[in-house]
Amino acid sequence: MLLLTPPLLLLLLLVVVVVVVVVVVVVVVVVLVGKPEGRRPLGRPRRRWADNIRIDLQEMGCVYMDWIGLAQDRDRWRTLVSAVMNLRVP
């Protein structure tokens, strides 16, 4: 049977601590220095549908409108869209 004396326990603890430190350092180096997978597309970011709605509401002067909540109600949303379309027609 293996007898664990205090010096042997300290050595075992030291080995475990060194292994943990090495693993942590490797993970940190991979995360901070490693190259991410894939590449970002060139140019400016694409304009999303939500961006278009936000810009249209800013042009109307309704900057702080809860348009997402408004879009949940079809009748109110349809009224808003028709009002915006009537403003745009010369």
C-alpha atoms as a PDB file:
ATOM      1  CA  MET A   1       0.000   0.000   0.000  1.00  0.00           C
ATOM      2  CA  LEU A   2       1.230   3.462  -0.927  1.00  0.00           C
ATOM      3  CA  LEU A   3       1.938   5.605   2.079  1.00  0.00           C
ATOM      4  CA  LEU A   4       1.379   9.338   1.486  1.00  0.00           C
ATOM      5  CA  THR A   5       3.806  11.227   3.633  1.00  0.00           C
ATOM      6  CA  PRO A   6       3.617  15.030   3.964  1.00  0.00           C
ATOM      7  CA  PRO A   7       6.538  15.668   1.562  1.00  0.00           C
ATOM      8  CA  LEU A   8       4.916  13.358  -1.004  1.00  0.00           C
ATOM      9  CA  LEU A   9       1.582  15.130  -0.595  1.00  0.00           C
ATOM     10  CA  LEU A  10       3.240  18.498  -1.119  1.00  0.00           C
ATOM     11  CA  LEU A  11       4.932  17.233  -4.273  1.00  0.00           C
ATOM     12  CA  LEU A  12       1.650  15.845  -5.592  1.00  0.00           C
ATOM     13  CA  LEU A  13      -0.107  19.142  -4.837  1.00  0.00           C
ATOM     14  CA  LEU A  14       2.655  21.066  -6.598  1.00  0.00           C
ATOM     15  CA  VAL A  15       2.317  18.881  -9.702  1.00  0.00           C
ATOM     16  CA  VAL A  16      -1.451  19.406  -9.788  1.00  0.00           C
ATOM     17  CA  VAL A  17      -1.053  23.181  -9.415  1.00  0.00           C
ATOM     18  CA  VAL A  18       1.531  23.313 -12.211  1.00  0.00           C
ATOM     19  CA  VAL A  19      -0.718  21.310 -14.548  1.00  0.00           C
ATOM     20  CA  VAL A  20      -3.689  23.586 -13.823  1.00  0.00           C
ATOM     21  CA  VAL A  21      -1.600  26.712 -14.417  1.00  0.00           C
ATOM     22  CA  VAL A  22      -0.286  25.355 -17.722  1.00  0.00           C
ATOM     23  CA  VAL A  23      -3.803  24.505 -18.903  1.00  0.00           C
ATOM     24  CA  VAL A  24      -5.089  27.957 -17.958  1.00  0.00           C
ATOM     25  CA  VAL A  25      -2.187  29.666 -19.746  1.00  0.00           C
ATOM     26  CA  VAL A  26      -2.762  27.607 -22.894  1.00  0.00           C
ATOM     27  CA  VAL A  27      -6.471  28.437 -22.900  1.00  0.00           C
ATOM     28  CA  VAL A  28      -5.795  32.155 -22.383  1.00  0.00           C
ATOM     29  CA  VAL A  29      -3.235  32.226 -25.196  1.00  0.00           C
ATOM     30  CA  VAL A  30      -5.576  30.431 -27.585  1.00  0.00           C
ATOM     31  CA  VAL A  31      -8.473  32.759 -26.756  1.00  0.00           C
ATOM     32  CA  LEU A  32      -6.544  36.043 -26.819  1.00  0.00           C
ATOM     33  CA  VAL A  33      -3.944  35.387 -29.503  1.00  0.00           C
ATOM     34  CA  GLY A  34      -5.540  32.723 -31.670  1.00  0.00           C
ATOM     35  CA  LYS A  35      -7.204  33.611 -34.934  1.00  0.00           C
ATOM     36  CA  PRO A  36     -11.007  33.469 -35.055  1.00  0.00           C
ATOM     37  CA  GLU A  37     -12.701  31.076 -37.392  1.00  0.00           C
ATOM     38  CA  GLY A  38     -13.853  32.494 -40.702  1.00  0.00           C
ATOM     39  CA  ARG A  39     -13.564  36.038 -41.977  1.00  0.00           C
ATOM     40  CA  ARG A  40     -15.712  39.106 -41.696  1.00  0.00           C
ATOM     41  CA  PRO A  41     -17.303  40.382 -44.885  1.00  0.00           C
ATOM     42  CA  LEU A  42     -15.764  43.420 -46.535  1.00  0.00           C
ATOM     43  CA  GLY A  43     -17.511  46.772 -46.687  1.00  0.00           C
ATOM     44  CA  ARG A  44     -20.136  48.386 -44.526  1.00  0.00           C
ATOM     45  CA  PRO A  45     -22.650  46.309 -42.580  1.00  0.00           C
ATOM     46  CA  ARG A  46     -25.836  45.447 -44.441  1.00  0.00           C
ATOM     47  CA  ARG A  47     -28.906  47.477 -43.623  1.00  0.00           C
ATOM     48  CA  ARG A  48     -31.472  45.324 -41.898  1.00  0.00           C
ATOM     49  CA  TRP A  49     -35.256  45.608 -42.065  1.00  0.00           C
ATOM     50  CA  ALA A  50     -35.313  46.918 -38.499  1.00  0.00           C
ATOM     51  CA  ASP A  51     -32.810  49.634 -39.464  1.00  0.00           C
ATOM     52  CA  ASN A  52     -35.078  50.742 -42.305  1.00  0.00           C
ATOM     53  CA  ILE A  53     -38.076  50.981 -39.963  1.00  0.00           C
ATOM     54  CA  ARG A  54     -36.062  52.979 -37.432  1.00  0.00           C
ATOM     55  CA  ILE A  55     -34.848  55.401 -40.142  1.00  0.00           C
ATOM     56  CA  ASP A  56     -38.382  55.841 -41.510  1.00  0.00           C
ATOM     57  CA  LEU A  57     -39.713  56.620 -38.029  1.00  0.00           C
ATOM     58  CA  GLN A  58     -36.915  59.151 -37.495  1.00  0.00           C
ATOM     59  CA  GLU A  59     -37.883  60.888 -40.744  1.00  0.00           C
ATOM     60  CA  MET A  60     -41.474  61.105 -39.445  1.00  0.00           C
ATOM     61  CA  GLY A  61     -40.296  62.513 -36.120  1.00  0.00           C
ATOM     62  CA  CYS A  62     -41.360  59.462 -34.098  1.00  0.00           C
ATOM     63  CA  VAL A  63     -37.962  58.597 -32.651  1.00  0.00           C
ATOM     64  CA  TYR A  64     -39.122  57.147 -29.334  1.00  0.00           C
ATOM     65  CA  MET A  65     -42.062  55.132 -30.674  1.00  0.00           C
ATOM     66  CA  ASP A  66     -42.335  51.511 -29.565  1.00  0.00           C
ATOM     67  CA  TRP A  67     -42.614  50.231 -33.126  1.00  0.00           C
ATOM     68  CA  ILE A  68     -42.008  46.611 -32.183  1.00  0.00           C
ATOM     69  CA  GLY A  69     -45.014  46.640 -29.869  1.00  0.00           C
ATOM     70  CA  LEU A  70     -46.987  48.505 -32.522  1.00  0.00           C
ATOM     71  CA  ALA A  71     -46.156  45.869 -35.127  1.00  0.00           C
ATOM     72  CA  GLN A  72     -47.785  43.234 -32.927  1.00  0.00           C
ATOM     73  CA  ASP A  73     -51.175  44.853 -33.600  1.00  0.00           C
ATOM     74  CA  ARG A  74     -51.858  44.485 -37.329  1.00  0.00           C
ATOM     75  CA  ASP A  75     -54.525  47.163 -37.579  1.00  0.00           C
ATOM     76  CA  ARG A  76     -52.448  49.868 -35.868  1.00  0.00           C
ATOM     77  CA  TRP A  77     -49.352  48.829 -37.826  1.00  0.00           C
ATOM     78  CA  ARG A  78     -51.257  48.972 -41.137  1.00  0.00           C
ATOM     79  CA  THR A  79     -52.524  52.458 -40.220  1.00  0.00           C
ATOM     80  CA  LEU A  80     -48.994  53.655 -39.469  1.00  0.00           C
ATOM     81  CA  VAL A  81     -47.574  52.171 -42.681  1.00  0.00           C
ATOM     82  CA  SER A  82     -50.311  53.733 -44.821  1.00  0.00           C
ATOM     83  CA  ALA A  83     -49.695  57.107 -43.143  1.00  0.00           C
ATOM     84  CA  VAL A  84     -45.985  56.865 -43.872  1.00  0.00           C
ATOM     85  CA  MET A  85     -46.624  55.854 -47.474  1.00  0.00           C
ATOM     86  CA  ASN A  86     -48.981  58.817 -47.935  1.00  0.00           C
ATOM     87  CA  LEU A  87     -46.276  61.170 -46.666  1.00  0.00           C
ATOM     88  CA  ARG A  88     -43.764  59.826 -49.171  1.00  0.00           C
ATOM     89  CA  VAL A  89     -45.997  60.191 -52.260  1.00  0.00           C
ATOM     90  CA  PRO A  90     -45.337  63.600 -53.890  1.00  0.00           C
END
